[in-house]
């Protein structure tokens, strides 16, 4: 029976059941059902990304048939662990710019996967936040400086802020111990809203970030719908479930004989904007009708 190695960042409480279901759905589309004609070996870093190289090396030692890495830390570790094991990634930044593949249409090598296009959406998110809180003269942007797209995120946010005529305060956090200090600075600088930039580190700690935003009564926008479902005010981005379903499909196709070099990188093109009106009410915020009309989903 073929074996799929699955590298998860795996912070407790972060893996949503529909993600597992979506991955298995994709596998089924390619003719594979876990426990019947394929096995899945899961390795979880439990939120400690420095564990990824050892976990990837373990999967290579097991001689799994394909490694699925739905995060940048995982794909980088898997790439370093093997130049021959097929690897299916799902990441938010351009895989060509990151040096993972030769091109979108012809990946080459042993990697292919899904480009979720999240890191490049900070300007759009800032614009939506500005529409929701139009009287906010100062907006804070929380950035993980260790994130591979941090420099681009900061540049895009500053450029968008200049167009919108708002002041931006950049707050850095790459450890949980940085969060309280970041929010204290936000309060001291009188920022009226918060953009949480895309980062797997932030995603793994979304409940903590949403709770801090609520505690400080600050309206915030995030990358994934799961933040809004957890109580965040708004989210804008692609769907992680769509990415994992496609990753499952590609993993199945590779098990069926396809090679990563011949499977073009899938670029997700469906974006969704989610607004949590319960949170807006708790913040005493009236969301303008014009922005409600833009929402793909409103949580009430």
C-alpha atoms as a PDB file:
ATOM      1  CA  UNK A   1       0.000   0.000   0.000  1.00  0.00           C
ATOM      2  CA  UNK A   2       1.454   3.422  -0.942  1.00  0.00           C
ATOM      3  CA  UNK A   3       2.105   5.917   1.845  1.00  0.00           C
ATOM      4  CA  UNK A   4       1.646   9.698   1.918  1.00  0.00           C
ATOM      5  CA  UNK A   5       3.691  11.708   4.394  1.00  0.00           C
ATOM      6  CA  UNK A   6       1.849  14.778   5.703  1.00  0.00           C
ATOM      7  CA  UNK A   7       3.828  17.574   7.352  1.00  0.00           C
ATOM      8  CA  UNK A   8       1.689  19.706   9.650  1.00  0.00           C
ATOM      9  CA  UNK A   9       2.619  22.759  11.696  1.00  0.00           C
ATOM     10  CA  UNK A  10       0.033  21.266  14.001  1.00  0.00           C
ATOM     11  CA  UNK A  11      -0.471  23.730  16.843  1.00  0.00           C
ATOM     12  CA  UNK A  12      -3.208  22.328  19.120  1.00  0.00           C
ATOM     13  CA  UNK A  13      -6.696  23.439  18.106  1.00  0.00           C
ATOM     14  CA  UNK A  14      -5.599  24.810  14.733  1.00  0.00           C
ATOM     15  CA  UNK A  15      -6.309  21.884  12.400  1.00  0.00           C
ATOM     16  CA  UNK A  16      -9.926  22.275  11.322  1.00  0.00           C
ATOM     17  CA  UNK A  17     -11.799  19.006  10.586  1.00  0.00           C
ATOM     18  CA  UNK A  18     -12.929  20.294   7.182  1.00  0.00           C
ATOM     19  CA  UNK A  19      -9.251  20.596   6.166  1.00  0.00           C
ATOM     20  CA  UNK A  20      -8.720  16.877   6.746  1.00  0.00           C
ATOM     21  CA  UNK A  21     -11.978  16.152   4.949  1.00  0.00           C
ATOM     22  CA  UNK A  22     -10.973  18.343   2.006  1.00  0.00           C
ATOM     23  CA  UNK A  23      -7.624  16.574   1.632  1.00  0.00           C
ATOM     24  CA  UNK A  24      -9.281  13.169   1.698  1.00  0.00           C
ATOM     25  CA  UNK A  25     -11.868  14.365  -0.811  1.00  0.00           C
ATOM     26  CA  UNK A  26      -9.076  15.339  -3.185  1.00  0.00           C
ATOM     27  CA  UNK A  27      -7.445  11.941  -2.740  1.00  0.00           C
ATOM     28  CA  UNK A  28     -10.750  10.246  -3.479  1.00  0.00           C
ATOM     29  CA  UNK A  29     -11.092  12.238  -6.698  1.00  0.00           C
ATOM     30  CA  UNK A  30      -7.852  10.604  -7.811  1.00  0.00           C
ATOM     31  CA  UNK A  31      -8.990   7.137  -6.800  1.00  0.00           C
ATOM     32  CA  UNK A  32      -7.459   6.790  -3.323  1.00  0.00           C
ATOM     33  CA  UNK A  33      -9.175   6.189   0.011  1.00  0.00           C
ATOM     34  CA  UNK A  34      -7.237   6.191   3.270  1.00  0.00           C
ATOM     35  CA  UNK A  35      -7.133   2.745   4.845  1.00  0.00           C
ATOM     36  CA  UNK A  36      -8.258   1.030   1.652  1.00  0.00           C
ATOM     37  CA  UNK A  37      -5.554   1.679  -0.923  1.00  0.00           C
ATOM     38  CA  UNK A  38      -3.390   4.375   0.684  1.00  0.00           C
ATOM     39  CA  UNK A  39      -1.963   5.136   4.133  1.00  0.00           C
ATOM     40  CA  UNK A  40      -1.182   8.578   5.559  1.00  0.00           C
ATOM     41  CA  UNK A  41       1.700   9.201   7.956  1.00  0.00           C
ATOM     42  CA  UNK A  42       1.181  12.521   9.755  1.00  0.00           C
ATOM     43  CA  UNK A  43       4.067  14.366  11.367  1.00  0.00           C
ATOM     44  CA  UNK A  44       3.152  17.403  13.445  1.00  0.00           C
ATOM     45  CA  UNK A  45       5.459  20.157  14.665  1.00  0.00           C
ATOM     46  CA  UNK A  46       2.871  21.208  17.279  1.00  0.00           C
ATOM     47  CA  UNK A  47       3.550  24.842  16.558  1.00  0.00           C
ATOM     48  CA  UNK A  48       7.343  24.527  16.814  1.00  0.00           C
ATOM     49  CA  UNK A  49       8.503  25.168  13.262  1.00  0.00           C
ATOM     50  CA  UNK A  50      12.148  24.397  14.080  1.00  0.00           C
ATOM     51  CA  UNK A  51      11.085  20.759  14.366  1.00  0.00           C
ATOM     52  CA  UNK A  52      10.174  20.572  10.675  1.00  0.00           C
ATOM     53  CA  UNK A  53      13.600  19.442   9.325  1.00  0.00           C
ATOM     54  CA  UNK A  54      13.672  16.429  11.646  1.00  0.00           C
ATOM     55  CA  UNK A  55      10.072  15.523  10.828  1.00  0.00           C
ATOM     56  CA  UNK A  56      10.715  15.764   7.084  1.00  0.00           C
ATOM     57  CA  UNK A  57      13.856  13.644   7.414  1.00  0.00           C
ATOM     58  CA  UNK A  58      11.829  11.024   9.301  1.00  0.00           C
ATOM     59  CA  UNK A  59       9.321  10.768   6.448  1.00  0.00           C
ATOM     60  CA  UNK A  60      12.138  10.397   3.930  1.00  0.00           C
ATOM     61  CA  UNK A  61      13.647   7.602   6.036  1.00  0.00           C
ATOM     62  CA  UNK A  62      10.270   5.862   5.947  1.00  0.00           C
ATOM     63  CA  UNK A  63      10.446   6.067   2.147  1.00  0.00           C
ATOM     64  CA  UNK A  64       6.973   7.539   1.781  1.00  0.00           C
ATOM     65  CA  UNK A  65       5.760   7.790  -1.809  1.00  0.00           C
ATOM     66  CA  UNK A  66       4.916  11.501  -1.646  1.00  0.00           C
ATOM     67  CA  UNK A  67       5.192  14.268   0.951  1.00  0.00           C
ATOM     68  CA  UNK A  68       2.417  16.846   1.324  1.00  0.00           C
ATOM     69  CA  UNK A  69       3.487  20.096   3.002  1.00  0.00           C
ATOM     70  CA  UNK A  70       0.677  22.672   3.367  1.00  0.00           C
ATOM     71  CA  UNK A  71       3.029  25.316   4.777  1.00  0.00           C
ATOM     72  CA  UNK A  72       6.303  26.966   3.802  1.00  0.00           C
ATOM     73  CA  UNK A  73       8.326  25.606   6.733  1.00  0.00           C
ATOM     74  CA  UNK A  74       7.280  22.086   5.790  1.00  0.00           C
ATOM     75  CA  UNK A  75       8.027  22.358   2.084  1.00  0.00           C
ATOM     76  CA  UNK A  76      11.412  23.925   2.757  1.00  0.00           C
ATOM     77  CA  UNK A  77      12.286  21.125   5.183  1.00  0.00           C
ATOM     78  CA  UNK A  78      11.072  18.470   2.757  1.00  0.00           C
ATOM     79  CA  UNK A  79      13.037  20.033  -0.118  1.00  0.00           C
ATOM     80  CA  UNK A  80      16.194  19.959   1.969  1.00  0.00           C
ATOM     81  CA  UNK A  81      15.531  16.376   3.080  1.00  0.00           C
ATOM     82  CA  UNK A  82      15.135  14.902  -0.414  1.00  0.00           C
ATOM     83  CA  UNK A  83      15.698  15.797  -4.044  1.00  0.00           C
ATOM     84  CA  UNK A  84      13.853  12.716  -5.301  1.00  0.00           C
ATOM     85  CA  UNK A  85      10.755  12.193  -3.118  1.00  0.00           C
ATOM     86  CA  UNK A  86       7.757  13.887  -4.794  1.00  0.00           C
ATOM     87  CA  UNK A  87       6.585  16.902  -2.766  1.00  0.00           C
ATOM     88  CA  UNK A  88       3.214  18.657  -2.983  1.00  0.00           C
ATOM     89  CA  UNK A  89       3.170  22.076  -1.336  1.00  0.00           C
ATOM     90  CA  UNK A  90       0.497  24.637  -0.516  1.00  0.00           C
ATOM     91  CA  UNK A  91       1.901  28.093   0.218  1.00  0.00           C
ATOM     92  CA  UNK A  92       0.859  31.730   0.129  1.00  0.00           C
ATOM     93  CA  UNK A  93       3.793  33.277  -1.738  1.00  0.00           C
ATOM     94  CA  UNK A  94       5.005  32.879  -5.324  1.00  0.00           C
ATOM     95  CA  UNK A  95       6.831  29.494  -5.501  1.00  0.00           C
ATOM     96  CA  UNK A  96       8.911  30.698  -8.458  1.00  0.00           C
ATOM     97  CA  UNK A  97      10.231  33.704  -6.524  1.00  0.00           C
ATOM     98  CA  UNK A  98      10.946  31.396  -3.592  1.00  0.00           C
ATOM     99  CA  UNK A  99      12.992  29.114  -5.819  1.00  0.00           C
ATOM    100  CA  UNK A 100      10.795  26.073  -5.258  1.00  0.00           C
ATOM    101  CA  UNK A 101       9.908  25.536  -8.920  1.00  0.00           C
ATOM    102  CA  UNK A 102      11.335  26.633 -12.253  1.00  0.00           C
ATOM    103  CA  UNK A 103       8.002  27.989 -13.491  1.00  0.00           C
ATOM    104  CA  UNK A 104       4.287  27.778 -12.751  1.00  0.00           C
ATOM    105  CA  UNK A 105       3.477  25.732 -15.868  1.00  0.00           C
ATOM    106  CA  UNK A 106       6.611  23.575 -15.840  1.00  0.00           C
ATOM    107  CA  UNK A 107       7.726  23.115 -12.229  1.00  0.00           C
ATOM    108  CA  UNK A 108      10.657  20.808 -12.967  1.00  0.00           C
ATOM    109  CA  UNK A 109      12.329  18.854 -10.191  1.00  0.00           C
ATOM    110  CA  UNK A 110      10.389  16.976  -7.519  1.00  0.00           C
ATOM    111  CA  UNK A 111       8.048  19.735  -6.329  1.00  0.00           C
ATOM    112  CA  UNK A 112       4.665  21.064  -7.394  1.00  0.00           C
ATOM    113  CA  UNK A 113       1.566  22.225  -5.586  1.00  0.00           C
ATOM    114  CA  UNK A 114      -0.791  25.069  -4.868  1.00  0.00           C
ATOM    115  CA  UNK A 115      -0.094  28.809  -4.825  1.00  0.00           C
ATOM    116  CA  UNK A 116      -2.650  30.311  -2.423  1.00  0.00           C
ATOM    117  CA  UNK A 117      -1.749  33.914  -3.148  1.00  0.00           C
ATOM    118  CA  UNK A 118      -2.093  35.234   0.412  1.00  0.00           C
ATOM    119  CA  UNK A 119       1.083  37.218   1.034  1.00  0.00           C
ATOM    120  CA  UNK A 120       0.262  39.600  -1.830  1.00  0.00           C
ATOM    121  CA  UNK A 121      -3.165  40.573  -0.484  1.00  0.00           C
ATOM    122  CA  UNK A 122      -2.171  42.952   2.321  1.00  0.00           C
ATOM    123  CA  UNK A 123      -3.023  46.084   0.315  1.00  0.00           C
ATOM    124  CA  UNK A 124      -6.494  44.697  -0.420  1.00  0.00           C
ATOM    125  CA  UNK A 125      -7.044  43.815   3.224  1.00  0.00           C
ATOM    126  CA  UNK A 126      -5.939  47.268   4.331  1.00  0.00           C
ATOM    127  CA  UNK A 127      -8.393  48.831   1.887  1.00  0.00           C
ATOM    128  CA  UNK A 128     -11.277  46.746   3.235  1.00  0.00           C
ATOM    129  CA  UNK A 129     -10.350  47.615   6.818  1.00  0.00           C
ATOM    130  CA  UNK A 130     -10.233  51.299   5.915  1.00  0.00           C
ATOM    131  CA  UNK A 131     -13.711  51.031   4.376  1.00  0.00           C
ATOM    132  CA  UNK A 132     -15.028  49.347   7.525  1.00  0.00           C
ATOM    133  CA  UNK A 133     -13.431  51.908   9.842  1.00  0.00           C
ATOM    134  CA  UNK A 134     -13.185  54.994   7.595  1.00  0.00           C
ATOM    135  CA  UNK A 135     -12.511  57.426  10.440  1.00  0.00           C
ATOM    136  CA  UNK A 136      -9.416  55.566  11.677  1.00  0.00           C
ATOM    137  CA  UNK A 137      -6.469  57.945  11.076  1.00  0.00           C
ATOM    138  CA  UNK A 138      -3.904  55.389  12.280  1.00  0.00           C
ATOM    139  CA  UNK A 139      -3.900  51.668  11.539  1.00  0.00           C
ATOM    140  CA  UNK A 140      -1.442  49.129  12.953  1.00  0.00           C
ATOM    141  CA  UNK A 141      -0.011  46.286  10.875  1.00  0.00           C
ATOM    142  CA  UNK A 142       1.171  43.196  12.737  1.00  0.00           C
ATOM    143  CA  UNK A 143       4.016  41.534  10.833  1.00  0.00           C
ATOM    144  CA  UNK A 144       6.080  38.432  11.498  1.00  0.00           C
ATOM    145  CA  UNK A 145       9.605  39.610  10.498  1.00  0.00           C
ATOM    146  CA  UNK A 146      10.693  35.983  10.092  1.00  0.00           C
ATOM    147  CA  UNK A 147       7.982  35.308   7.512  1.00  0.00           C
ATOM    148  CA  UNK A 148       9.399  34.824   4.010  1.00  0.00           C
ATOM    149  CA  UNK A 149       7.157  37.572   2.597  1.00  0.00           C
ATOM    150  CA  UNK A 150       7.554  40.122   5.402  1.00  0.00           C
ATOM    151  CA  UNK A 151       9.553  42.662   3.416  1.00  0.00           C
ATOM    152  CA  UNK A 152       7.014  42.644   0.586  1.00  0.00           C
ATOM    153  CA  UNK A 153       4.131  42.885   3.053  1.00  0.00           C
ATOM    154  CA  UNK A 154       5.570  45.968   4.763  1.00  0.00           C
ATOM    155  CA  UNK A 155       6.245  47.660   1.424  1.00  0.00           C
ATOM    156  CA  UNK A 156       2.748  46.937   0.118  1.00  0.00           C
ATOM    157  CA  UNK A 157       1.104  48.152   3.321  1.00  0.00           C
ATOM    158  CA  UNK A 158       3.018  51.435   3.313  1.00  0.00           C
ATOM    159  CA  UNK A 159       2.197  52.046  -0.347  1.00  0.00           C
ATOM    160  CA  UNK A 160      -1.495  51.302   0.200  1.00  0.00           C
ATOM    161  CA  UNK A 161      -1.606  53.475   3.317  1.00  0.00           C
ATOM    162  CA  UNK A 162      -0.170  56.401   1.358  1.00  0.00           C
ATOM    163  CA  UNK A 163      -2.908  56.027  -1.259  1.00  0.00           C
ATOM    164  CA  UNK A 164      -5.590  55.850   1.425  1.00  0.00           C
ATOM    165  CA  UNK A 165      -4.203  58.748   3.420  1.00  0.00           C
ATOM    166  CA  UNK A 166      -3.801  56.838   6.675  1.00  0.00           C
ATOM    167  CA  UNK A 167      -0.825  56.447   8.988  1.00  0.00           C
ATOM    168  CA  UNK A 168       0.638  52.988   9.464  1.00  0.00           C
ATOM    169  CA  UNK A 169       2.379  51.645  12.549  1.00  0.00           C
ATOM    170  CA  UNK A 170       4.280  48.411  11.902  1.00  0.00           C
ATOM    171  CA  UNK A 171       4.349  46.021  14.851  1.00  0.00           C
ATOM    172  CA  UNK A 172       6.683  43.014  14.783  1.00  0.00           C
ATOM    173  CA  UNK A 173       6.035  39.666  16.432  1.00  0.00           C
ATOM    174  CA  UNK A 174       7.781  36.343  15.888  1.00  0.00           C
ATOM    175  CA  UNK A 175       7.128  34.783  19.301  1.00  0.00           C
ATOM    176  CA  UNK A 176       4.073  34.559  21.517  1.00  0.00           C
ATOM    177  CA  UNK A 177       5.872  36.711  24.080  1.00  0.00           C
ATOM    178  CA  UNK A 178       5.820  39.566  21.538  1.00  0.00           C
ATOM    179  CA  UNK A 179       2.034  39.781  21.308  1.00  0.00           C
ATOM    180  CA  UNK A 180       1.312  41.672  24.517  1.00  0.00           C
ATOM    181  CA  UNK A 181       4.050  44.200  23.771  1.00  0.00           C
ATOM    182  CA  UNK A 182       2.711  44.676  20.236  1.00  0.00           C
ATOM    183  CA  UNK A 183      -0.810  45.370  21.464  1.00  0.00           C
ATOM    184  CA  UNK A 184       0.513  47.700  24.164  1.00  0.00           C
ATOM    185  CA  UNK A 185       2.289  49.699  21.457  1.00  0.00           C
ATOM    186  CA  UNK A 186      -0.910  49.713  19.415  1.00  0.00           C
ATOM    187  CA  UNK A 187      -2.754  51.287  22.341  1.00  0.00           C
ATOM    188  CA  UNK A 188       0.033  53.763  23.113  1.00  0.00           C
ATOM    189  CA  UNK A 189       0.176  54.904  19.479  1.00  0.00           C
ATOM    190  CA  UNK A 190      -3.647  55.177  19.407  1.00  0.00           C
ATOM    191  CA  UNK A 191      -4.125  52.948  16.415  1.00  0.00           C
ATOM    192  CA  UNK A 192      -7.832  52.562  15.711  1.00  0.00           C
ATOM    193  CA  UNK A 193      -7.680  49.332  13.714  1.00  0.00           C
ATOM    194  CA  UNK A 194      -5.361  46.387  13.053  1.00  0.00           C
ATOM    195  CA  UNK A 195      -4.225  44.503   9.962  1.00  0.00           C
ATOM    196  CA  UNK A 196      -2.796  41.100  10.874  1.00  0.00           C
ATOM    197  CA  UNK A 197      -0.533  40.231   7.949  1.00  0.00           C
ATOM    198  CA  UNK A 198      -0.412  36.723   6.521  1.00  0.00           C
ATOM    199  CA  UNK A 199       1.884  34.325   8.377  1.00  0.00           C
ATOM    200  CA  UNK A 200       1.660  30.637   9.336  1.00  0.00           C
ATOM    201  CA  UNK A 201       2.926  31.665  12.776  1.00  0.00           C
ATOM    202  CA  UNK A 202      -0.083  33.966  13.252  1.00  0.00           C
ATOM    203  CA  UNK A 203      -2.459  31.382  11.813  1.00  0.00           C
ATOM    204  CA  UNK A 204      -1.274  28.836  14.368  1.00  0.00           C
ATOM    205  CA  UNK A 205      -2.116  31.334  17.113  1.00  0.00           C
ATOM    206  CA  UNK A 206      -5.288  32.787  15.698  1.00  0.00           C
ATOM    207  CA  UNK A 207      -7.390  32.260  18.843  1.00  0.00           C
ATOM    208  CA  UNK A 208      -4.853  34.173  20.902  1.00  0.00           C
ATOM    209  CA  UNK A 209      -4.710  37.050  18.414  1.00  0.00           C
ATOM    210  CA  UNK A 210      -8.488  37.268  18.113  1.00  0.00           C
ATOM    211  CA  UNK A 211      -8.780  37.300  21.906  1.00  0.00           C
ATOM    212  CA  UNK A 212      -6.207  40.108  22.206  1.00  0.00           C
ATOM    213  CA  UNK A 213      -8.013  42.188  19.583  1.00  0.00           C
ATOM    214  CA  UNK A 214     -11.275  41.721  21.494  1.00  0.00           C
ATOM    215  CA  UNK A 215      -9.638  42.570  24.824  1.00  0.00           C
ATOM    216  CA  UNK A 216      -8.294  45.817  23.399  1.00  0.00           C
ATOM    217  CA  UNK A 217     -11.519  46.547  21.471  1.00  0.00           C
ATOM    218  CA  UNK A 218      -9.691  46.929  18.169  1.00  0.00           C
ATOM    219  CA  UNK A 219     -11.326  46.020  14.836  1.00  0.00           C
ATOM    220  CA  UNK A 220      -9.025  43.760  12.852  1.00  0.00           C
ATOM    221  CA  UNK A 221      -8.779  41.980   9.522  1.00  0.00           C
ATOM    222  CA  UNK A 222      -7.002  38.672   8.923  1.00  0.00           C
ATOM    223  CA  UNK A 223      -6.071  36.360   6.056  1.00  0.00           C
ATOM    224  CA  UNK A 224      -8.278  33.291   6.577  1.00  0.00           C
ATOM    225  CA  UNK A 225     -11.996  32.817   7.205  1.00  0.00           C
ATOM    226  CA  UNK A 226     -11.088  30.723  10.272  1.00  0.00           C
ATOM    227  CA  UNK A 227     -10.074  33.951  12.034  1.00  0.00           C
ATOM    228  CA  UNK A 228     -13.531  35.437  11.451  1.00  0.00           C
ATOM    229  CA  UNK A 229     -15.150  32.188  12.571  1.00  0.00           C
ATOM    230  CA  UNK A 230     -13.045  32.373  15.754  1.00  0.00           C
ATOM    231  CA  UNK A 231     -14.388  35.867  16.477  1.00  0.00           C
ATOM    232  CA  UNK A 232     -12.207  38.146  14.360  1.00  0.00           C
ATOM    233  CA  UNK A 233     -14.011  41.049  12.709  1.00  0.00           C
ATOM    234  CA  UNK A 234     -13.104  40.352   9.068  1.00  0.00           C
ATOM    235  CA  UNK A 235     -11.047  38.108   6.821  1.00  0.00           C
ATOM    236  CA  UNK A 236     -10.081  38.191   3.172  1.00  0.00           C
ATOM    237  CA  UNK A 237      -8.223  35.481   1.317  1.00  0.00           C
ATOM    238  CA  UNK A 238      -8.426  32.201  -0.537  1.00  0.00           C
ATOM    239  CA  UNK A 239      -9.931  29.075   1.014  1.00  0.00           C
ATOM    240  CA  UNK A 240      -7.547  26.723   2.781  1.00  0.00           C
ATOM    241  CA  UNK A 241      -9.982  23.861   2.249  1.00  0.00           C
ATOM    242  CA  UNK A 242      -9.794  24.397  -1.526  1.00  0.00           C
ATOM    243  CA  UNK A 243      -6.008  24.263  -1.375  1.00  0.00           C
ATOM    244  CA  UNK A 244      -5.992  21.033   0.633  1.00  0.00           C
ATOM    245  CA  UNK A 245      -8.509  19.376  -1.669  1.00  0.00           C
ATOM    246  CA  UNK A 246      -6.255  20.194  -4.625  1.00  0.00           C
ATOM    247  CA  UNK A 247      -3.221  18.954  -2.686  1.00  0.00           C
ATOM    248  CA  UNK A 248      -5.033  15.670  -2.153  1.00  0.00           C
ATOM    249  CA  UNK A 249      -5.833  15.443  -5.849  1.00  0.00           C
ATOM    250  CA  UNK A 250      -2.204  16.042  -6.802  1.00  0.00           C
ATOM    251  CA  UNK A 251      -0.929  13.548  -4.224  1.00  0.00           C
ATOM    252  CA  UNK A 252      -3.273  10.943  -5.693  1.00  0.00           C
ATOM    253  CA  UNK A 253      -2.202  11.704  -9.249  1.00  0.00           C
ATOM    254  CA  UNK A 254       1.446  11.284  -8.258  1.00  0.00           C
ATOM    255  CA  UNK A 255       0.647   7.937  -6.638  1.00  0.00           C
ATOM    256  CA  UNK A 256      -0.998   7.018  -9.924  1.00  0.00           C
ATOM    257  CA  UNK A 257       2.197   7.661 -11.858  1.00  0.00           C
ATOM    258  CA  UNK A 258       2.312  11.401 -12.589  1.00  0.00           C
ATOM    259  CA  UNK A 259       5.517  13.304 -11.809  1.00  0.00           C
ATOM    260  CA  UNK A 260       5.638  16.724 -10.087  1.00  0.00           C
ATOM    261  CA  UNK A 261       7.585  18.148 -13.022  1.00  0.00           C
ATOM    262  CA  UNK A 262       4.567  17.521 -15.277  1.00  0.00           C
ATOM    263  CA  UNK A 263       1.898  18.923 -12.908  1.00  0.00           C
ATOM    264  CA  UNK A 264       1.546  22.733 -13.234  1.00  0.00           C
ATOM    265  CA  UNK A 265       1.331  24.707 -10.017  1.00  0.00           C
ATOM    266  CA  UNK A 266      -2.338  25.464  -9.297  1.00  0.00           C
ATOM    267  CA  UNK A 267      -3.028  29.132  -8.644  1.00  0.00           C
ATOM    268  CA  UNK A 268      -6.147  29.607  -6.530  1.00  0.00           C
ATOM    269  CA  UNK A 269      -8.355  32.320  -7.988  1.00  0.00           C
ATOM    270  CA  UNK A 270     -11.375  32.288  -5.674  1.00  0.00           C
ATOM    271  CA  UNK A 271     -11.204  34.817  -2.848  1.00  0.00           C
ATOM    272  CA  UNK A 272     -13.702  35.265  -0.049  1.00  0.00           C
ATOM    273  CA  UNK A 273     -14.491  38.180   2.225  1.00  0.00           C
ATOM    274  CA  UNK A 274     -16.077  37.274   5.574  1.00  0.00           C
ATOM    275  CA  UNK A 275     -17.491  39.711   8.132  1.00  0.00           C
ATOM    276  CA  UNK A 276     -18.445  38.776  11.691  1.00  0.00           C
ATOM    277  CA  UNK A 277     -21.335  41.047  12.702  1.00  0.00           C
ATOM    278  CA  UNK A 278     -21.367  39.597  16.234  1.00  0.00           C
ATOM    279  CA  UNK A 279     -17.870  40.961  16.689  1.00  0.00           C
ATOM    280  CA  UNK A 280     -18.806  44.281  15.090  1.00  0.00           C
ATOM    281  CA  UNK A 281     -21.657  44.619  17.589  1.00  0.00           C
ATOM    282  CA  UNK A 282     -19.353  43.777  20.500  1.00  0.00           C
ATOM    283  CA  UNK A 283     -16.953  46.484  19.274  1.00  0.00           C
ATOM    284  CA  UNK A 284     -19.784  49.008  18.937  1.00  0.00           C
ATOM    285  CA  UNK A 285     -18.954  49.237  15.237  1.00  0.00           C
ATOM    286  CA  UNK A 286     -21.539  49.858  12.538  1.00  0.00           C
ATOM    287  CA  UNK A 287     -20.278  48.241   9.356  1.00  0.00           C
ATOM    288  CA  UNK A 288     -21.071  50.494   6.369  1.00  0.00           C
ATOM    289  CA  UNK A 289     -23.711  49.001   4.011  1.00  0.00           C
ATOM    290  CA  UNK A 290     -21.346  49.373   1.045  1.00  0.00           C
ATOM    291  CA  UNK A 291     -18.831  46.985   2.571  1.00  0.00           C
ATOM    292  CA  UNK A 292     -21.506  44.530   3.696  1.00  0.00           C
ATOM    293  CA  UNK A 293     -22.540  44.239   0.056  1.00  0.00           C
ATOM    294  CA  UNK A 294     -19.003  43.140  -0.803  1.00  0.00           C
ATOM    295  CA  UNK A 295     -19.004  40.304   1.722  1.00  0.00           C
ATOM    296  CA  UNK A 296     -19.212  36.713   0.534  1.00  0.00           C
ATOM    297  CA  UNK A 297     -20.417  35.669   3.963  1.00  0.00           C
ATOM    298  CA  UNK A 298     -21.738  37.496   7.010  1.00  0.00           C
ATOM    299  CA  UNK A 299     -21.597  35.754  10.388  1.00  0.00           C
ATOM    300  CA  UNK A 300     -24.496  36.860  12.569  1.00  0.00           C
END
